[in-house]
Amino acid sequence: MMKKTFFVFKDSKRIDIHVRNYKEEDFESLIHIQRKAFPPPFPQELLWNRDQLSEHITRFPEGALCIEADGHIAGSITALRTSRTDQDHTWDEITSEGYITNHEPDGDSIYIVDICVDPAYRGLGLGKELMRAMYETVVYLGVKQLAGGSRIPGYIDYQSVMSPEEYFEKVKSGEISDPVVTFLMKSGRVPERLLPGYLEDEESADHAVLMVWKNPFLH
């Protein structure tokens, strides 16, 4: 099980940070944070419910992590194991609609189902720390890579002037900054390909980008 303790600083104030596996008593906090982090037009039916969270901690507790700032839950990251990353897929298909019932205990990849940080705690680098913790989980379990489909919410500002394919190439090259894909690139992930129809998402025109991080000890 994951347990990390370290500090971050906001101006001169030290903030105690803990990363650990989330558990049942954390569910209400995790659901509340998702509502704050993903307001409409993000589909509200995609926010976590207690049944999904129960599946996460039962089927793959190593992939169910939260981060605390000064004793308050400030975000989470959830994953499953799979060997299907080379196949075209939607979010519903690869995650069993967020219930991870298709988790493969021997899957060669850890696949990110969701990452979420409370808006009140943004700017502290907590998203990157959650990603770092999942990289460490990849190494610990000896799987080949971390993968996941990333929304492209910045595309909503370019839909009238370019295709999703053009937008993807410009974000990948650094010409355009996307709030999610560019963050993941700065966190070490590499964009591989576009995933049309990945998720019903108005801002992303239902597209996503498959983002990967290769286990450096296996390649």
C-alpha atoms as a PDB file:
ATOM      1  CA  MET A   1       0.000   0.000   0.000  1.00  0.00           C
ATOM      2  CA  MET A   2       1.106   3.541  -0.755  1.00  0.00           C
ATOM      3  CA  LYS A   3       2.095   5.907   2.049  1.00  0.00           C
ATOM      4  CA  LYS A   4       4.092   9.071   1.346  1.00  0.00           C
ATOM      5  CA  THR A   5       4.700  12.143   3.463  1.00  0.00           C
ATOM      6  CA  PHE A   6       6.383  15.338   2.272  1.00  0.00           C
ATOM      7  CA  PHE A   7       5.922  19.119   2.182  1.00  0.00           C
ATOM      8  CA  VAL A   8       4.949  21.755  -0.341  1.00  0.00           C
ATOM      9  CA  PHE A   9       5.101  25.515   0.183  1.00  0.00           C
ATOM     10  CA  LYS A  10       2.670  28.288  -0.673  1.00  0.00           C
ATOM     11  CA  ASP A  11       4.617  31.503  -0.338  1.00  0.00           C
ATOM     12  CA  SER A  12       6.316  30.988   3.042  1.00  0.00           C
ATOM     13  CA  LYS A  13       3.673  28.625   4.463  1.00  0.00           C
ATOM     14  CA  ARG A  14       4.617  24.958   4.748  1.00  0.00           C
ATOM     15  CA  ILE A  15       1.831  22.488   3.929  1.00  0.00           C
ATOM     16  CA  ASP A  16       2.041  18.873   5.070  1.00  0.00           C
ATOM     17  CA  ILE A  17       1.189  16.457   2.247  1.00  0.00           C
ATOM     18  CA  HIS A  18       0.257  12.791   2.523  1.00  0.00           C
ATOM     19  CA  VAL A  19      -0.465  10.393  -0.340  1.00  0.00           C
ATOM     20  CA  ARG A  20      -2.226   7.166   0.579  1.00  0.00           C
ATOM     21  CA  ASN A  21      -4.797   4.653  -0.598  1.00  0.00           C
ATOM     22  CA  TYR A  22      -8.326   5.932  -0.161  1.00  0.00           C
ATOM     23  CA  LYS A  23     -10.887   3.947   1.830  1.00  0.00           C
ATOM     24  CA  GLU A  24     -14.609   3.838   2.500  1.00  0.00           C
ATOM     25  CA  GLU A  25     -14.635   6.646   5.046  1.00  0.00           C
ATOM     26  CA  ASP A  26     -13.175   8.956   2.358  1.00  0.00           C
ATOM     27  CA  PHE A  27     -15.989   8.426  -0.154  1.00  0.00           C
ATOM     28  CA  GLU A  28     -18.103  11.481   0.675  1.00  0.00           C
ATOM     29  CA  SER A  29     -15.070  13.774   0.518  1.00  0.00           C
ATOM     30  CA  LEU A  30     -14.020  12.313  -2.843  1.00  0.00           C
ATOM     31  CA  ILE A  31     -17.510  12.750  -4.307  1.00  0.00           C
ATOM     32  CA  HIS A  32     -17.696  16.342  -3.008  1.00  0.00           C
ATOM     33  CA  ILE A  33     -14.332  17.190  -4.580  1.00  0.00           C
ATOM     34  CA  GLN A  34     -15.435  15.795  -7.942  1.00  0.00           C
ATOM     35  CA  ARG A  35     -18.521  18.002  -7.929  1.00  0.00           C
ATOM     36  CA  LYS A  36     -16.324  21.042  -7.296  1.00  0.00           C
ATOM     37  CA  ALA A  37     -13.654  20.085  -9.834  1.00  0.00           C
ATOM     38  CA  PHE A  38     -15.954  19.053 -12.700  1.00  0.00           C
ATOM     39  CA  PRO A  39     -18.935  21.432 -12.877  1.00  0.00           C
ATOM     40  CA  PRO A  40     -21.278  21.456 -15.896  1.00  0.00           C
ATOM     41  CA  PRO A  41     -20.971  21.172 -18.865  1.00  0.00           C
ATOM     42  CA  PHE A  42     -18.953  18.124 -17.722  1.00  0.00           C
ATOM     43  CA  PRO A  43     -21.472  15.217 -17.672  1.00  0.00           C
ATOM     44  CA  GLN A  44     -22.573  14.958 -14.038  1.00  0.00           C
ATOM     45  CA  GLU A  45     -23.465  11.278 -14.404  1.00  0.00           C
ATOM     46  CA  LEU A  46     -19.734  10.603 -14.807  1.00  0.00           C
ATOM     47  CA  LEU A  47     -18.905  11.818 -11.304  1.00  0.00           C
ATOM     48  CA  TRP A  48     -18.074   9.099  -8.783  1.00  0.00           C
ATOM     49  CA  ASN A  49     -20.740   7.326  -6.782  1.00  0.00           C
ATOM     50  CA  ARG A  50     -20.242   5.113  -3.726  1.00  0.00           C
ATOM     51  CA  ASP A  51     -20.696   1.855  -5.664  1.00  0.00           C
ATOM     52  CA  GLN A  52     -17.903   2.775  -8.071  1.00  0.00           C
ATOM     53  CA  LEU A  53     -15.571   3.807  -5.260  1.00  0.00           C
ATOM     54  CA  SER A  54     -16.299   0.523  -3.462  1.00  0.00           C
ATOM     55  CA  GLU A  55     -15.263  -1.386  -6.582  1.00  0.00           C
ATOM     56  CA  HIS A  56     -12.036   0.619  -6.809  1.00  0.00           C
ATOM     57  CA  ILE A  57     -10.848  -0.198  -3.314  1.00  0.00           C
ATOM     58  CA  THR A  58     -11.932  -3.843  -3.636  1.00  0.00           C
ATOM     59  CA  ARG A  59     -10.631  -4.756  -7.096  1.00  0.00           C
ATOM     60  CA  PHE A  60      -7.443  -2.681  -7.270  1.00  0.00           C
ATOM     61  CA  PRO A  61      -6.668  -0.807  -4.044  1.00  0.00           C
ATOM     62  CA  GLU A  62      -3.132  -0.077  -5.295  1.00  0.00           C
ATOM     63  CA  GLY A  63      -4.721   2.132  -7.964  1.00  0.00           C
ATOM     64  CA  ALA A  64      -7.012   4.055  -5.603  1.00  0.00           C
ATOM     65  CA  LEU A  65      -4.970   6.945  -4.189  1.00  0.00           C
ATOM     66  CA  CYS A  66      -5.826  10.229  -2.518  1.00  0.00           C
ATOM     67  CA  ILE A  67      -3.735  13.197  -1.435  1.00  0.00           C
ATOM     68  CA  GLU A  68      -4.158  15.140   1.807  1.00  0.00           C
ATOM     69  CA  ALA A  69      -3.062  18.729   2.441  1.00  0.00           C
ATOM     70  CA  ASP A  70      -2.791  19.626   6.140  1.00  0.00           C
ATOM     71  CA  GLY A  71      -5.122  16.744   6.977  1.00  0.00           C
ATOM     72  CA  HIS A  72      -7.800  17.540   4.376  1.00  0.00           C
ATOM     73  CA  ILE A  73      -8.373  15.375   1.296  1.00  0.00           C
ATOM     74  CA  ALA A  74      -7.443  17.562  -1.657  1.00  0.00           C
ATOM     75  CA  GLY A  75      -7.591  15.189  -4.614  1.00  0.00           C
ATOM     76  CA  SER A  76      -7.474  11.647  -5.905  1.00  0.00           C
ATOM     77  CA  ILE A  77      -6.292   9.443  -8.737  1.00  0.00           C
ATOM     78  CA  THR A  78      -7.826   6.116  -9.725  1.00  0.00           C
ATOM     79  CA  ALA A  79      -6.567   3.384 -12.046  1.00  0.00           C
ATOM     80  CA  LEU A  80      -6.985  -0.225 -13.136  1.00  0.00           C
ATOM     81  CA  ARG A  81      -4.777  -2.793 -14.857  1.00  0.00           C
ATOM     82  CA  THR A  82      -5.404  -3.775 -18.476  1.00  0.00           C
ATOM     83  CA  SER A  83      -3.716  -5.205 -21.559  1.00  0.00           C
ATOM     84  CA  ARG A  84      -6.031  -3.404 -24.006  1.00  0.00           C
ATOM     85  CA  THR A  85      -4.279  -0.052 -24.458  1.00  0.00           C
ATOM     86  CA  ASP A  86      -3.251  -0.847 -28.055  1.00  0.00           C
ATOM     87  CA  GLN A  87      -6.898  -1.287 -29.071  1.00  0.00           C
ATOM     88  CA  ASP A  88      -9.267   1.553 -29.915  1.00  0.00           C
ATOM     89  CA  HIS A  89     -11.573   2.111 -26.953  1.00  0.00           C
ATOM     90  CA  THR A  90     -13.924   4.471 -25.190  1.00  0.00           C
ATOM     91  CA  TRP A  91     -13.773   5.466 -21.531  1.00  0.00           C
ATOM     92  CA  ASP A  92     -16.858   3.351 -20.794  1.00  0.00           C
ATOM     93  CA  GLU A  93     -15.310   0.289 -22.436  1.00  0.00           C
ATOM     94  CA  ILE A  94     -11.860   0.469 -20.861  1.00  0.00           C
ATOM     95  CA  THR A  95     -13.129   1.312 -17.343  1.00  0.00           C
ATOM     96  CA  SER A  96     -16.448  -0.616 -17.281  1.00  0.00           C
ATOM     97  CA  GLU A  97     -18.234   2.733 -16.946  1.00  0.00           C
ATOM     98  CA  GLY A  98     -16.007   3.655 -14.023  1.00  0.00           C
ATOM     99  CA  TYR A  99     -16.713   0.479 -12.043  1.00  0.00           C
ATOM    100  CA  ILE A 100     -13.433  -1.224 -13.212  1.00  0.00           C
ATOM    101  CA  THR A 101     -15.122  -4.647 -13.238  1.00  0.00           C
ATOM    102  CA  ASN A 102     -12.893  -5.521 -16.216  1.00  0.00           C
ATOM    103  CA  HIS A 103      -9.735  -4.914 -14.164  1.00  0.00           C
ATOM    104  CA  GLU A 104      -7.104  -7.489 -15.175  1.00  0.00           C
ATOM    105  CA  PRO A 105      -4.897  -8.417 -12.182  1.00  0.00           C
ATOM    106  CA  ASP A 106      -2.115  -9.403 -14.592  1.00  0.00           C
ATOM    107  CA  GLY A 107      -2.637  -6.595 -17.124  1.00  0.00           C
ATOM    108  CA  ASP A 108       0.593  -5.155 -18.544  1.00  0.00           C
ATOM    109  CA  SER A 109      -0.480  -1.510 -18.169  1.00  0.00           C
ATOM    110  CA  ILE A 110      -1.914   0.669 -15.432  1.00  0.00           C
ATOM    111  CA  TYR A 111      -4.692   2.755 -16.940  1.00  0.00           C
ATOM    112  CA  ILE A 112      -5.817   6.033 -15.372  1.00  0.00           C
ATOM    113  CA  VAL A 113      -9.560   6.155 -14.845  1.00  0.00           C
ATOM    114  CA  ASP A 114      -9.649   9.621 -13.279  1.00  0.00           C
ATOM    115  CA  ILE A 115      -7.512  12.317 -11.679  1.00  0.00           C
ATOM    116  CA  CYS A 116      -9.090  15.125  -9.699  1.00  0.00           C
ATOM    117  CA  VAL A 117      -7.837  18.002  -7.520  1.00  0.00           C
ATOM    118  CA  ASP A 118     -10.020  20.258  -5.398  1.00  0.00           C
ATOM    119  CA  PRO A 119      -9.968  23.743  -7.019  1.00  0.00           C
ATOM    120  CA  ALA A 120      -9.222  25.213  -3.580  1.00  0.00           C
ATOM    121  CA  TYR A 121      -5.860  23.421  -3.592  1.00  0.00           C
ATOM    122  CA  ARG A 122      -4.757  24.018  -7.163  1.00  0.00           C
ATOM    123  CA  GLY A 123      -1.430  25.699  -7.746  1.00  0.00           C
ATOM    124  CA  LEU A 124       0.380  23.499  -5.206  1.00  0.00           C
ATOM    125  CA  GLY A 125       1.471  20.837  -7.700  1.00  0.00           C
ATOM    126  CA  LEU A 126      -0.797  18.194  -6.177  1.00  0.00           C
ATOM    127  CA  GLY A 127      -1.874  16.846  -9.561  1.00  0.00           C
ATOM    128  CA  LYS A 128       1.754  16.196 -10.463  1.00  0.00           C
ATOM    129  CA  GLU A 129       2.318  14.522  -7.095  1.00  0.00           C
ATOM    130  CA  LEU A 130      -0.634  12.202  -7.698  1.00  0.00           C
ATOM    131  CA  MET A 131       0.790  11.375 -11.113  1.00  0.00           C
ATOM    132  CA  ARG A 132       4.215  10.766  -9.583  1.00  0.00           C
ATOM    133  CA  ALA A 133       2.663   8.377  -7.075  1.00  0.00           C
ATOM    134  CA  MET A 134       1.086   6.400  -9.916  1.00  0.00           C
ATOM    135  CA  TYR A 135       4.437   6.280 -11.757  1.00  0.00           C
ATOM    136  CA  GLU A 136       5.894   4.817  -8.582  1.00  0.00           C
ATOM    137  CA  THR A 137       3.072   2.265  -8.543  1.00  0.00           C
ATOM    138  CA  VAL A 138       3.940   1.271 -12.128  1.00  0.00           C
ATOM    139  CA  VAL A 139       7.538   0.635 -11.074  1.00  0.00           C
ATOM    140  CA  TYR A 140       6.515  -1.113  -7.851  1.00  0.00           C
ATOM    141  CA  LEU A 141       4.197  -3.528  -9.679  1.00  0.00           C
ATOM    142  CA  GLY A 142       6.613  -4.013 -12.585  1.00  0.00           C
ATOM    143  CA  VAL A 143       4.139  -3.241 -15.375  1.00  0.00           C
ATOM    144  CA  LYS A 144       5.293  -1.796 -18.691  1.00  0.00           C
ATOM    145  CA  GLN A 145       3.536   1.573 -18.656  1.00  0.00           C
ATOM    146  CA  LEU A 146       0.994   4.014 -17.362  1.00  0.00           C
ATOM    147  CA  ALA A 147      -1.677   4.972 -19.894  1.00  0.00           C
ATOM    148  CA  GLY A 148      -4.940   6.891 -20.004  1.00  0.00           C
ATOM    149  CA  GLY A 149      -7.261   8.894 -22.200  1.00  0.00           C
ATOM    150  CA  SER A 150      -6.945  12.648 -21.660  1.00  0.00           C
ATOM    151  CA  ARG A 151      -9.738  15.122 -22.321  1.00  0.00           C
ATOM    152  CA  ILE A 152      -8.903  18.054 -24.613  1.00  0.00           C
ATOM    153  CA  PRO A 153     -11.154  20.734 -23.094  1.00  0.00           C
ATOM    154  CA  GLY A 154      -9.216  23.572 -24.711  1.00  0.00           C
ATOM    155  CA  TYR A 155     -10.497  22.427 -28.095  1.00  0.00           C
ATOM    156  CA  ILE A 156     -13.799  24.214 -27.483  1.00  0.00           C
ATOM    157  CA  ASP A 157     -12.047  27.505 -28.346  1.00  0.00           C
ATOM    158  CA  TYR A 158     -10.785  26.137 -31.685  1.00  0.00           C
ATOM    159  CA  GLN A 159     -13.673  23.987 -32.948  1.00  0.00           C
ATOM    160  CA  SER A 160     -14.688  26.535 -35.571  1.00  0.00           C
ATOM    161  CA  VAL A 161     -11.210  26.854 -37.091  1.00  0.00           C
ATOM    162  CA  MET A 162      -9.579  23.399 -36.966  1.00  0.00           C
ATOM    163  CA  SER A 163     -10.298  19.698 -36.702  1.00  0.00           C
ATOM    164  CA  PRO A 164      -9.551  17.630 -33.579  1.00  0.00           C
ATOM    165  CA  GLU A 165      -6.646  16.070 -35.498  1.00  0.00           C
ATOM    166  CA  GLU A 166      -5.116  19.490 -36.225  1.00  0.00           C
ATOM    167  CA  TYR A 167      -5.634  20.581 -32.621  1.00  0.00           C
ATOM    168  CA  PHE A 168      -3.953  17.398 -31.366  1.00  0.00           C
ATOM    169  CA  GLU A 169      -0.879  17.983 -33.547  1.00  0.00           C
ATOM    170  CA  LYS A 170      -0.562  21.612 -32.415  1.00  0.00           C
ATOM    171  CA  VAL A 171      -0.889  20.701 -28.731  1.00  0.00           C
ATOM    172  CA  LYS A 172       1.626  17.886 -29.158  1.00  0.00           C
ATOM    173  CA  SER A 173       4.114  20.253 -30.805  1.00  0.00           C
ATOM    174  CA  GLY A 174       3.616  22.924 -28.133  1.00  0.00           C
ATOM    175  CA  GLU A 175       1.996  25.491 -30.454  1.00  0.00           C
ATOM    176  CA  ILE A 176      -1.220  25.377 -28.402  1.00  0.00           C
ATOM    177  CA  SER A 177      -1.549  24.763 -24.662  1.00  0.00           C
ATOM    178  CA  ASP A 178      -4.412  22.504 -23.593  1.00  0.00           C
ATOM    179  CA  PRO A 179      -5.444  22.611 -19.894  1.00  0.00           C
ATOM    180  CA  VAL A 180      -5.259  18.821 -19.523  1.00  0.00           C
ATOM    181  CA  VAL A 181      -2.966  17.415 -22.233  1.00  0.00           C
ATOM    182  CA  THR A 182      -0.283  20.051 -21.673  1.00  0.00           C
ATOM    183  CA  PHE A 183      -0.452  19.487 -17.895  1.00  0.00           C
ATOM    184  CA  LEU A 184       0.067  15.761 -18.444  1.00  0.00           C
ATOM    185  CA  MET A 185       2.983  16.426 -20.814  1.00  0.00           C
ATOM    186  CA  LYS A 186       4.573  18.610 -18.133  1.00  0.00           C
ATOM    187  CA  SER A 187       4.034  15.725 -15.719  1.00  0.00           C
ATOM    188  CA  GLY A 188       5.989  13.320 -17.906  1.00  0.00           C
ATOM    189  CA  ARG A 189       3.278  11.737 -20.057  1.00  0.00           C
ATOM    190  CA  VAL A 190       3.682  11.431 -23.844  1.00  0.00           C
ATOM    191  CA  PRO A 191       0.747  11.871 -26.278  1.00  0.00           C
ATOM    192  CA  GLU A 192       0.427   8.830 -28.554  1.00  0.00           C
ATOM    193  CA  ARG A 193      -2.768   9.105 -30.569  1.00  0.00           C
ATOM    194  CA  LEU A 194      -6.219  10.626 -30.770  1.00  0.00           C
ATOM    195  CA  LEU A 195      -9.209   8.610 -29.490  1.00  0.00           C
ATOM    196  CA  PRO A 196     -12.418   9.704 -31.292  1.00  0.00           C
ATOM    197  CA  GLY A 197     -15.688   9.108 -29.466  1.00  0.00           C
ATOM    198  CA  TYR A 198     -13.859   8.459 -26.202  1.00  0.00           C
ATOM    199  CA  LEU A 199     -16.283  10.282 -23.926  1.00  0.00           C
ATOM    200  CA  GLU A 200     -19.403  12.394 -24.294  1.00  0.00           C
ATOM    201  CA  ASP A 201     -17.721  15.734 -23.715  1.00  0.00           C
ATOM    202  CA  GLU A 202     -18.854  18.946 -25.376  1.00  0.00           C
ATOM    203  CA  GLU A 203     -15.618  20.819 -24.686  1.00  0.00           C
ATOM    204  CA  SER A 204     -13.487  18.056 -26.254  1.00  0.00           C
ATOM    205  CA  ALA A 205     -15.896  17.281 -29.122  1.00  0.00           C
ATOM    206  CA  ASP A 206     -16.035  13.735 -27.656  1.00  0.00           C
ATOM    207  CA  HIS A 207     -12.303  13.204 -28.363  1.00  0.00           C
ATOM    208  CA  ALA A 208      -9.421  12.301 -26.077  1.00  0.00           C
ATOM    209  CA  VAL A 209      -5.678  11.724 -26.380  1.00  0.00           C
ATOM    210  CA  LEU A 210      -4.020   8.486 -25.296  1.00  0.00           C
ATOM    211  CA  MET A 211      -1.204   9.581 -22.966  1.00  0.00           C
ATOM    212  CA  VAL A 212       1.505   7.147 -21.797  1.00  0.00           C
ATOM    213  CA  TRP A 213       4.490   6.949 -19.466  1.00  0.00           C
ATOM    214  CA  LYS A 214       6.841   4.023 -20.051  1.00  0.00           C
ATOM    215  CA  ASN A 215       8.376   2.181 -17.112  1.00  0.00           C
ATOM    216  CA  PRO A 216      12.042   3.268 -17.452  1.00  0.00           C
ATOM    217  CA  PHE A 217      13.257   0.001 -15.941  1.00  0.00           C
ATOM    218  CA  LEU A 218      11.593  -2.161 -18.610  1.00  0.00           C
ATOM    219  CA  HIS A 219      12.459  -0.284 -21.835  1.00  0.00           C
END
